[in-house]
Amino acid sequence: MGRRIDFLDDPEAPAANSLVLSVNVAVADDGGRLLLIRRSDNDNWALPGGAMDPGESISDAAVRETKEETGVDCEITGIVGIYTNPAHVILYTSDGEVRQECSVVFTAKAVSGEPTPSSESTEVRWVSMAELDGFTMHPSMRQRVGHYLDGRDRPYIG
C-alpha cells in the first residue's frame, strides 16, 4: 500500500492534479465520545471518511465510509462544514495523484456495530473529549474536529 502525504501551506508541495469530493464523519456515541481511526496510510488519527462514489449521495458516502473504516453504523445528524482549502493537497505515493479535497464533514450518531479496524484503519477507538489532545492529527483534521467540538450554530465554509 502506498502512503498518504499531506501538505498544508507548503511552497514545496506538488501541484494538485485531481479534485475529489469526500466526506469525514464526526460520529458520537451515547456517552459523547468521538469515533476516531488511526489511518493505515500515514498513522495519523482522523475522523472516518473517504471519497464519494459515482451513484451514491454524499450522505450515503458518509455512512458507507464510516462502516467500512470502523465497523460502526451511523445516522447522519448534521453538517460541521465544507472544507476546500487549495493550500492543502494530498500526495498518494501509490499512483502519484495529488488531490485537492472538497470535504463535507458531517455529524452523526452511532446506531450499532463495534469499533473494528479495516485495511484503511489500523486502530479504531471511542475517544472522550478530554483525551483528544493526546492524539496525533494533521492540522487540517484537527481543525475539523475543533469545529465539531465548537458546536457551531452554522456550518463552516472555507
N, C-alpha and C. Protein backbone atom coordinates (compact mmCIF):
# COMPACT_ATOMS: atom_id res chain seq x y z
N MET A 1 0.85 -1.18 0.00
CA MET A 1 0.00 0.00 0.00
C MET A 1 0.89 1.24 0.00
N GLY A 2 0.49 2.24 -0.77
CA GLY A 2 1.22 3.49 -0.80
C GLY A 2 0.95 4.32 0.45
N ARG A 3 1.64 5.41 0.51
CA ARG A 3 1.49 6.33 1.64
C ARG A 3 0.68 7.54 1.22
N ARG A 4 0.13 8.21 2.18
CA ARG A 4 -0.57 9.48 2.00
C ARG A 4 0.30 10.54 2.68
N ILE A 5 0.63 11.59 1.93
CA ILE A 5 1.43 12.67 2.49
C ILE A 5 0.63 13.96 2.31
N ASP A 6 0.28 14.58 3.44
CA ASP A 6 -0.48 15.84 3.42
C ASP A 6 0.48 17.01 3.41
N PHE A 7 0.18 17.99 2.57
CA PHE A 7 0.92 19.25 2.54
C PHE A 7 -0.06 20.36 2.86
N LEU A 8 0.35 21.27 3.74
CA LEU A 8 -0.50 22.40 4.11
C LEU A 8 0.34 23.66 4.13
N ASP A 9 -0.05 24.63 3.32
CA ASP A 9 0.68 25.90 3.24
C ASP A 9 2.17 25.68 3.01
N ASP A 10 2.52 24.73 2.15
CA ASP A 10 3.90 24.37 1.88
C ASP A 10 4.26 24.78 0.45
N PRO A 11 5.16 25.76 0.28
CA PRO A 11 5.51 26.19 -1.08
C PRO A 11 6.19 25.10 -1.90
N GLU A 12 6.68 24.05 -1.25
CA GLU A 12 7.32 22.94 -1.96
C GLU A 12 6.32 21.83 -2.32
N ALA A 13 5.05 22.01 -1.97
CA ALA A 13 4.04 20.98 -2.25
C ALA A 13 3.86 20.80 -3.75
N PRO A 14 3.61 19.57 -4.16
CA PRO A 14 3.32 19.36 -5.58
C PRO A 14 1.97 19.98 -5.93
N ALA A 15 1.81 20.31 -7.21
CA ALA A 15 0.55 20.90 -7.67
C ALA A 15 -0.54 19.83 -7.73
N ALA A 16 -1.73 20.21 -7.35
CA ALA A 16 -2.87 19.28 -7.42
C ALA A 16 -3.12 18.87 -8.86
N ASN A 17 -3.42 17.57 -9.06
CA ASN A 17 -3.79 17.09 -10.39
C ASN A 17 -5.16 16.43 -10.38
N SER A 18 -5.86 16.49 -9.24
CA SER A 18 -7.24 16.00 -9.17
C SER A 18 -7.99 16.74 -8.07
N LEU A 19 -9.28 16.75 -8.21
CA LEU A 19 -10.19 17.34 -7.22
C LEU A 19 -11.21 16.27 -6.90
N VAL A 20 -11.34 15.92 -5.62
CA VAL A 20 -12.19 14.79 -5.24
C VAL A 20 -13.17 15.23 -4.15
N LEU A 21 -14.44 14.90 -4.35
CA LEU A 21 -15.46 15.14 -3.34
C LEU A 21 -15.37 14.02 -2.31
N SER A 22 -15.20 14.41 -1.04
CA SER A 22 -15.04 13.42 0.01
C SER A 22 -15.84 13.82 1.25
N VAL A 23 -15.84 12.92 2.21
CA VAL A 23 -16.56 13.13 3.46
C VAL A 23 -15.66 12.80 4.64
N ASN A 24 -15.96 13.40 5.77
CA ASN A 24 -15.50 12.95 7.08
C ASN A 24 -16.73 12.94 7.97
N VAL A 25 -16.69 12.10 9.00
CA VAL A 25 -17.87 11.96 9.85
C VAL A 25 -17.46 12.00 11.31
N ALA A 26 -18.03 12.96 12.04
CA ALA A 26 -17.84 13.07 13.48
C ALA A 26 -18.96 12.28 14.14
N VAL A 27 -18.67 11.02 14.42
CA VAL A 27 -19.66 10.10 15.00
C VAL A 27 -19.51 10.11 16.52
N ALA A 28 -20.61 10.35 17.20
CA ALA A 28 -20.61 10.34 18.66
C ALA A 28 -21.42 9.14 19.17
N ASP A 29 -20.98 8.60 20.30
CA ASP A 29 -21.77 7.55 20.94
C ASP A 29 -22.67 8.17 22.00
N ASP A 30 -23.44 7.35 22.70
CA ASP A 30 -24.37 7.86 23.71
C ASP A 30 -23.66 8.59 24.86
N GLY A 31 -22.38 8.29 25.05
CA GLY A 31 -21.61 8.94 26.11
C GLY A 31 -20.90 10.21 25.66
N GLY A 32 -21.12 10.61 24.40
CA GLY A 32 -20.49 11.81 23.89
C GLY A 32 -19.06 11.63 23.40
N ARG A 33 -18.60 10.37 23.36
CA ARG A 33 -17.25 10.11 22.85
C ARG A 33 -17.26 10.16 21.32
N LEU A 34 -16.11 10.51 20.75
CA LEU A 34 -15.95 10.66 19.31
C LEU A 34 -15.24 9.43 18.73
N LEU A 35 -15.69 8.96 17.59
CA LEU A 35 -15.09 7.81 16.93
C LEU A 35 -13.91 8.27 16.07
N LEU A 36 -12.71 7.74 16.37
CA LEU A 36 -11.51 8.08 15.61
C LEU A 36 -10.88 6.82 15.04
N ILE A 37 -10.22 6.99 13.90
CA ILE A 37 -9.43 5.92 13.31
C ILE A 37 -7.97 6.34 13.26
N ARG A 38 -7.08 5.37 13.33
CA ARG A 38 -5.67 5.61 13.01
C ARG A 38 -5.50 5.13 11.58
N ARG A 39 -5.21 6.08 10.70
CA ARG A 39 -5.12 5.79 9.27
C ARG A 39 -3.95 4.85 8.99
N SER A 40 -4.18 3.87 8.13
CA SER A 40 -3.11 2.93 7.79
C SER A 40 -2.12 3.53 6.81
N ASP A 41 -2.48 4.62 6.12
CA ASP A 41 -1.58 5.18 5.12
C ASP A 41 -0.67 6.29 5.64
N ASN A 42 -0.91 6.80 6.86
CA ASN A 42 0.00 7.82 7.40
C ASN A 42 0.13 7.78 8.93
N ASP A 43 -0.56 6.88 9.59
CA ASP A 43 -0.51 6.69 11.05
C ASP A 43 -1.12 7.83 11.85
N ASN A 44 -1.71 8.82 11.21
CA ASN A 44 -2.40 9.89 11.93
C ASN A 44 -3.79 9.44 12.35
N TRP A 45 -4.28 10.05 13.40
CA TRP A 45 -5.65 9.83 13.84
C TRP A 45 -6.56 10.78 13.06
N ALA A 46 -7.77 10.32 12.77
CA ALA A 46 -8.68 11.11 11.94
C ALA A 46 -10.11 10.67 12.18
N LEU A 47 -11.02 11.52 11.75
CA LEU A 47 -12.42 11.12 11.64
C LEU A 47 -12.52 10.15 10.48
N PRO A 48 -13.40 9.16 10.55
CA PRO A 48 -13.57 8.28 9.40
C PRO A 48 -14.06 9.07 8.20
N GLY A 49 -13.73 8.57 7.01
CA GLY A 49 -14.19 9.25 5.80
C GLY A 49 -13.47 8.77 4.57
N GLY A 50 -13.87 9.34 3.45
CA GLY A 50 -13.26 8.99 2.18
C GLY A 50 -14.05 9.58 1.03
N ALA A 51 -13.71 9.15 -0.17
CA ALA A 51 -14.30 9.70 -1.39
C ALA A 51 -15.71 9.17 -1.64
N MET A 52 -16.50 10.04 -2.22
CA MET A 52 -17.85 9.68 -2.66
C MET A 52 -17.72 8.89 -3.96
N ASP A 53 -18.51 7.83 -4.09
CA ASP A 53 -18.51 7.00 -5.30
C ASP A 53 -19.61 7.44 -6.25
N PRO A 54 -19.41 7.24 -7.56
CA PRO A 54 -20.49 7.52 -8.50
C PRO A 54 -21.75 6.72 -8.12
N GLY A 55 -22.89 7.35 -8.26
CA GLY A 55 -24.15 6.67 -7.99
C GLY A 55 -24.62 6.72 -6.55
N GLU A 56 -23.88 7.39 -5.67
CA GLU A 56 -24.34 7.50 -4.29
C GLU A 56 -24.46 8.96 -3.90
N SER A 57 -25.30 9.20 -2.90
CA SER A 57 -25.43 10.55 -2.37
C SER A 57 -24.28 10.82 -1.41
N ILE A 58 -24.05 12.07 -1.09
CA ILE A 58 -22.96 12.43 -0.18
C ILE A 58 -23.22 11.87 1.22
N SER A 59 -24.49 11.85 1.66
CA SER A 59 -24.77 11.29 2.99
C SER A 59 -24.61 9.77 2.99
N ASP A 60 -24.96 9.12 1.88
CA ASP A 60 -24.73 7.67 1.78
C ASP A 60 -23.24 7.37 1.83
N ALA A 61 -22.42 8.21 1.18
CA ALA A 61 -20.97 8.02 1.22
C ALA A 61 -20.47 8.13 2.66
N ALA A 62 -21.01 9.06 3.42
CA ALA A 62 -20.58 9.23 4.82
C ALA A 62 -20.89 7.98 5.65
N VAL A 63 -22.08 7.45 5.49
CA VAL A 63 -22.47 6.24 6.23
C VAL A 63 -21.62 5.05 5.79
N ARG A 64 -21.44 4.89 4.47
CA ARG A 64 -20.65 3.76 3.93
C ARG A 64 -19.20 3.82 4.41
N GLU A 65 -18.57 5.00 4.26
CA GLU A 65 -17.16 5.12 4.65
C GLU A 65 -16.97 4.86 6.14
N THR A 66 -17.89 5.33 6.96
CA THR A 66 -17.79 5.08 8.40
C THR A 66 -17.86 3.58 8.68
N LYS A 67 -18.81 2.90 8.07
CA LYS A 67 -18.95 1.45 8.28
C LYS A 67 -17.71 0.71 7.78
N GLU A 68 -17.22 1.07 6.58
CA GLU A 68 -16.05 0.37 6.01
C GLU A 68 -14.81 0.53 6.88
N GLU A 69 -14.60 1.74 7.39
CA GLU A 69 -13.36 2.01 8.13
C GLU A 69 -13.42 1.66 9.60
N THR A 70 -14.64 1.57 10.17
CA THR A 70 -14.74 1.42 11.63
C THR A 70 -15.57 0.24 12.11
N GLY A 71 -16.44 -0.30 11.26
CA GLY A 71 -17.36 -1.33 11.70
C GLY A 71 -18.59 -0.78 12.39
N VAL A 72 -18.72 0.54 12.48
CA VAL A 72 -19.82 1.19 13.19
C VAL A 72 -20.83 1.75 12.19
N ASP A 73 -22.10 1.42 12.39
CA ASP A 73 -23.18 2.00 11.60
C ASP A 73 -23.58 3.32 12.25
N CYS A 74 -23.87 4.32 11.41
CA CYS A 74 -24.23 5.62 11.97
C CYS A 74 -25.40 6.22 11.21
N GLU A 75 -25.99 7.22 11.83
CA GLU A 75 -27.08 8.00 11.25
C GLU A 75 -26.63 9.45 11.21
N ILE A 76 -26.67 10.06 10.03
CA ILE A 76 -26.24 11.45 9.86
C ILE A 76 -27.22 12.37 10.59
N THR A 77 -26.65 13.34 11.33
CA THR A 77 -27.49 14.26 12.11
C THR A 77 -27.28 15.73 11.74
N GLY A 78 -26.21 16.05 11.02
CA GLY A 78 -25.96 17.44 10.68
C GLY A 78 -24.67 17.61 9.91
N ILE A 79 -24.29 18.87 9.73
CA ILE A 79 -23.07 19.22 8.98
C ILE A 79 -22.19 20.11 9.84
N VAL A 80 -20.91 19.74 9.94
CA VAL A 80 -19.92 20.58 10.61
C VAL A 80 -19.46 21.67 9.66
N GLY A 81 -19.19 21.29 8.40
CA GLY A 81 -18.72 22.27 7.44
C GLY A 81 -18.28 21.67 6.13
N ILE A 82 -17.84 22.56 5.24
CA ILE A 82 -17.33 22.20 3.92
C ILE A 82 -15.91 22.76 3.84
N TYR A 83 -14.95 21.89 3.54
CA TYR A 83 -13.53 22.24 3.59
C TYR A 83 -12.92 22.09 2.20
N THR A 84 -12.41 23.21 1.65
CA THR A 84 -11.90 23.21 0.28
C THR A 84 -10.57 23.95 0.16
N ASN A 85 -9.76 23.98 1.17
CA ASN A 85 -8.52 24.75 1.20
C ASN A 85 -7.58 24.32 0.07
N PRO A 86 -7.35 25.16 -0.95
CA PRO A 86 -6.44 24.78 -2.02
C PRO A 86 -4.98 24.70 -1.58
N ALA A 87 -4.66 25.22 -0.41
CA ALA A 87 -3.29 25.12 0.13
C ALA A 87 -3.07 23.80 0.86
N HIS A 88 -4.09 22.95 0.91
CA HIS A 88 -3.96 21.61 1.49
C HIS A 88 -4.11 20.60 0.35
N VAL A 89 -3.00 19.96 0.00
CA VAL A 89 -3.04 18.92 -1.03
C VAL A 89 -2.50 17.63 -0.44
N ILE A 90 -2.93 16.52 -1.03
CA ILE A 90 -2.58 15.20 -0.52
C ILE A 90 -1.93 14.41 -1.65
N LEU A 91 -0.71 13.96 -1.42
CA LEU A 91 0.01 13.13 -2.38
C LEU A 91 -0.20 11.67 -2.01
N TYR A 92 -0.67 10.89 -2.97
CA TYR A 92 -0.79 9.44 -2.81
C TYR A 92 0.36 8.81 -3.57
N THR A 93 1.30 8.22 -2.84
CA THR A 93 2.52 7.71 -3.46
C THR A 93 2.28 6.49 -4.34
N SER A 94 1.17 5.80 -4.16
CA SER A 94 0.90 4.59 -4.94
C SER A 94 0.68 4.89 -6.42
N ASP A 95 0.11 6.08 -6.72
CA ASP A 95 -0.19 6.38 -8.12
C ASP A 95 0.16 7.80 -8.55
N GLY A 96 0.75 8.58 -7.66
CA GLY A 96 1.15 9.94 -8.00
C GLY A 96 0.02 10.95 -8.01
N GLU A 97 -1.17 10.54 -7.58
CA GLU A 97 -2.27 11.50 -7.50
C GLU A 97 -1.93 12.56 -6.45
N VAL A 98 -2.19 13.82 -6.79
CA VAL A 98 -2.06 14.92 -5.84
C VAL A 98 -3.44 15.56 -5.77
N ARG A 99 -4.10 15.32 -4.68
CA ARG A 99 -5.52 15.64 -4.54
C ARG A 99 -5.76 16.91 -3.75
N GLN A 100 -6.62 17.75 -4.31
CA GLN A 100 -7.24 18.80 -3.50
C GLN A 100 -8.62 18.27 -3.17
N GLU A 101 -8.93 18.20 -1.89
CA GLU A 101 -10.22 17.69 -1.47
C GLU A 101 -11.26 18.80 -1.38
N CYS A 102 -12.47 18.41 -1.64
CA CYS A 102 -13.64 19.17 -1.22
C CYS A 102 -14.32 18.23 -0.25
N SER A 103 -14.16 18.48 1.03
CA SER A 103 -14.64 17.55 2.04
C SER A 103 -15.81 18.12 2.81
N VAL A 104 -16.91 17.37 2.82
CA VAL A 104 -18.06 17.72 3.63
C VAL A 104 -17.94 16.92 4.92
N VAL A 105 -17.96 17.63 6.05
CA VAL A 105 -17.82 16.97 7.35
C VAL A 105 -19.19 16.97 8.02
N PHE A 106 -19.65 15.76 8.31
CA PHE A 106 -20.97 15.55 8.90
C PHE A 106 -20.85 15.24 10.38
N THR A 107 -21.95 15.45 11.11
CA THR A 107 -22.11 14.90 12.44
C THR A 107 -23.01 13.67 12.31
N ALA A 108 -22.83 12.73 13.21
CA ALA A 108 -23.63 11.51 13.17
C ALA A 108 -23.70 10.90 14.56
N LYS A 109 -24.71 10.06 14.75
CA LYS A 109 -24.77 9.28 15.98
C LYS A 109 -24.60 7.81 15.62
N ALA A 110 -23.91 7.09 16.50
CA ALA A 110 -23.72 5.66 16.30
C ALA A 110 -25.03 4.94 16.57
N VAL A 111 -25.36 3.97 15.72
CA VAL A 111 -26.60 3.21 15.94
C VAL A 111 -26.35 1.72 16.19
N SER A 112 -25.21 1.20 15.73
CA SER A 112 -24.88 -0.20 16.00
C SER A 112 -23.44 -0.47 15.57
N GLY A 113 -22.97 -1.67 15.88
CA GLY A 113 -21.64 -2.08 15.48
C GLY A 113 -20.61 -1.83 16.56
N GLU A 114 -19.47 -2.47 16.38
CA GLU A 114 -18.35 -2.34 17.32
C GLU A 114 -17.13 -1.83 16.57
N PRO A 115 -16.34 -0.94 17.18
CA PRO A 115 -15.13 -0.44 16.52
C PRO A 115 -14.22 -1.59 16.10
N THR A 116 -13.97 -1.66 14.79
CA THR A 116 -13.19 -2.74 14.20
C THR A 116 -12.28 -2.17 13.13
N PRO A 117 -10.97 -2.37 13.22
CA PRO A 117 -10.06 -1.87 12.18
C PRO A 117 -10.35 -2.51 10.82
N SER A 118 -9.87 -1.83 9.77
CA SER A 118 -10.03 -2.31 8.40
C SER A 118 -8.70 -2.14 7.68
N SER A 119 -8.69 -2.35 6.37
CA SER A 119 -7.47 -2.13 5.60
C SER A 119 -7.07 -0.65 5.60
N GLU A 120 -8.01 0.24 5.90
CA GLU A 120 -7.74 1.68 5.91
C GLU A 120 -7.48 2.23 7.31
N SER A 121 -7.70 1.40 8.34
CA SER A 121 -7.54 1.86 9.72
C SER A 121 -6.87 0.78 10.56
N THR A 122 -5.76 1.14 11.16
CA THR A 122 -5.06 0.15 12.00
C THR A 122 -5.63 0.08 13.41
N GLU A 123 -6.28 1.17 13.84
CA GLU A 123 -6.96 1.20 15.14
C GLU A 123 -8.23 2.02 15.00
N VAL A 124 -9.23 1.65 15.78
CA VAL A 124 -10.49 2.40 15.85
C VAL A 124 -10.84 2.52 17.32
N ARG A 125 -11.12 3.75 17.77
CA ARG A 125 -11.40 3.97 19.20
C ARG A 125 -12.48 5.01 19.41
N TRP A 126 -13.23 4.80 20.49
CA TRP A 126 -14.09 5.86 21.02
C TRP A 126 -13.21 6.70 21.92
N VAL A 127 -13.18 8.01 21.71
CA VAL A 127 -12.28 8.89 22.44
C VAL A 127 -13.09 9.98 23.15
N SER A 128 -12.84 10.16 24.44
CA SER A 128 -13.52 11.23 25.17
C SER A 128 -12.93 12.57 24.75
N MET A 129 -13.71 13.62 24.94
CA MET A 129 -13.25 14.96 24.56
C MET A 129 -11.98 15.34 25.32
N ALA A 130 -11.84 14.89 26.56
CA ALA A 130 -10.67 15.21 27.38
C ALA A 130 -9.40 14.54 26.84
N GLU A 131 -9.54 13.45 26.09
CA GLU A 131 -8.39 12.71 25.56
C GLU A 131 -7.91 13.18 24.20
N LEU A 132 -8.71 13.97 23.50
CA LEU A 132 -8.44 14.29 22.10
C LEU A 132 -7.08 14.92 21.85
N ASP A 133 -6.62 15.79 22.74
CA ASP A 133 -5.34 16.47 22.54
C ASP A 133 -4.17 15.49 22.47
N GLY A 134 -4.31 14.31 23.02
CA GLY A 134 -3.24 13.33 23.02
C GLY A 134 -3.13 12.51 21.74
N PHE A 135 -3.96 12.77 20.76
CA PHE A 135 -3.96 12.00 19.52
C PHE A 135 -3.35 12.83 18.39
N THR A 136 -2.36 12.25 17.71
CA THR A 136 -1.67 12.94 16.62
C THR A 136 -2.58 13.03 15.41
N MET A 137 -2.83 14.28 14.97
CA MET A 137 -3.67 14.53 13.80
C MET A 137 -2.99 15.56 12.91
N HIS A 138 -3.25 15.47 11.62
CA HIS A 138 -2.81 16.53 10.71
C HIS A 138 -3.57 17.80 11.08
N PRO A 139 -2.97 18.98 10.93
CA PRO A 139 -3.66 20.22 11.30
C PRO A 139 -5.02 20.41 10.62
N SER A 140 -5.17 19.94 9.39
CA SER A 140 -6.47 20.07 8.71
C SER A 140 -7.54 19.24 9.40
N MET A 141 -7.17 18.07 9.91
CA MET A 141 -8.13 17.23 10.63
C MET A 141 -8.39 17.81 12.02
N ARG A 142 -7.36 18.32 12.65
CA ARG A 142 -7.53 18.94 13.96
C ARG A 142 -8.51 20.11 13.86
N GLN A 143 -8.44 20.88 12.76
CA GLN A 143 -9.39 21.98 12.54
C GLN A 143 -10.82 21.44 12.45
N ARG A 144 -11.02 20.38 11.71
CA ARG A 144 -12.36 19.80 11.54
C ARG A 144 -12.91 19.30 12.87
N VAL A 145 -12.08 18.61 13.64
CA VAL A 145 -12.51 18.14 14.96
C VAL A 145 -12.81 19.33 15.86
N GLY A 146 -11.98 20.36 15.80
CA GLY A 146 -12.22 21.56 16.60
C GLY A 146 -13.54 22.24 16.27
N HIS A 147 -13.85 22.31 14.99
CA HIS A 147 -15.13 22.90 14.58
C HIS A 147 -16.30 22.06 15.09
N TYR A 148 -16.14 20.74 15.07
CA TYR A 148 -17.18 19.87 15.63
C TYR A 148 -17.37 20.16 17.12
N LEU A 149 -16.26 20.25 17.85
CA LEU A 149 -16.32 20.48 19.29
C LEU A 149 -16.90 21.85 19.63
N ASP A 150 -16.70 22.81 18.74
CA ASP A 150 -17.23 24.16 18.96
C ASP A 150 -18.77 24.18 19.00
N GLY A 151 -19.42 23.19 18.37
CA GLY A 151 -20.87 23.15 18.34
C GLY A 151 -21.46 24.38 17.66
N ARG A 152 -20.84 24.79 16.58
CA ARG A 152 -21.28 26.00 15.86
C ARG A 152 -22.76 25.93 15.49
N ASP A 153 -23.37 27.10 15.39
CA ASP A 153 -24.79 27.14 15.01
C ASP A 153 -24.99 27.13 13.50
N ARG A 154 -23.89 27.24 12.74
CA ARG A 154 -23.98 27.12 11.28
C ARG A 154 -22.68 26.48 10.78
N PRO A 155 -22.74 25.82 9.64
CA PRO A 155 -21.56 25.12 9.14
C PRO A 155 -20.42 26.07 8.77
N TYR A 156 -19.20 25.59 8.95
CA TYR A 156 -18.01 26.28 8.45
C TYR A 156 -17.98 26.09 6.94
N ILE A 157 -17.63 27.14 6.21
CA ILE A 157 -17.46 27.03 4.77
C ILE A 157 -16.16 27.72 4.42
N GLY A 158 -15.21 26.93 3.92
CA GLY A 158 -13.91 27.53 3.61
C GLY A 158 -13.01 26.60 2.84
